[in-house]
Amino acid sequence: MTLAPRLRWLLIAAAASACLVSALVLQHAFDKEPCPLCILQRYGYLGVALFALLAAWRSPAADHWLWGGLAAAAGLAGLGVAIHHVGLLANPEGASCSFAIARFVEELPTAQWLPSVFSATGFCTDIGFSLLGLSMPQWSALSLAALSLAALVGLWADGRRARRAAG
């Protein structure tokens, strides 16, 4: 069974949005304060969600490839941050978020516009939350890897569909 391209991109956007909502619930309902690296991962989720929505909206137009590619790129960028965060947790002695990263995150316009979502108030080496033996950054790395893979597979499937239709 193959998914229609528009539905596939909508599901990717919904999954990324669900991850972002989960982080906000942990922050506001359970007082798990996000660190600067957590906030950068949120941007990855937001990018996947927004670009996947644009890919769904533009599908099957030619430029939907751009939006799908940007969704994959946002997921991979967030994945890179998550992997770095997992590394910090694995080697906490002497490791922390640099002042430059924290300052960069706090000076982004979104931190001013929506501080309850994009302001970093936690520490990068605090595990703070664990589910099934995995920390929040580990779950984030798994989620962002799955979202990136889904976007890349979506682009591949859309390419196959376009080639079949053309020829």
Foldseek 3Di string as FASTA:
>chain_A
DDDDLLVLLQVLLVLLVVLLVVVLCCCPVVVQFAALLSLLLNQLSVLLNVLSNVLSVCPPPPCSLVSLVSSLVSLVSSLVSLVVLVVCLVPVVVDWDDPVSLVVQCPPVCCVVPVSRRHGDDISNDQRDDDPRDGPSVVSNVSSVVSSVSSVVSSVVSVVVVVVVVD
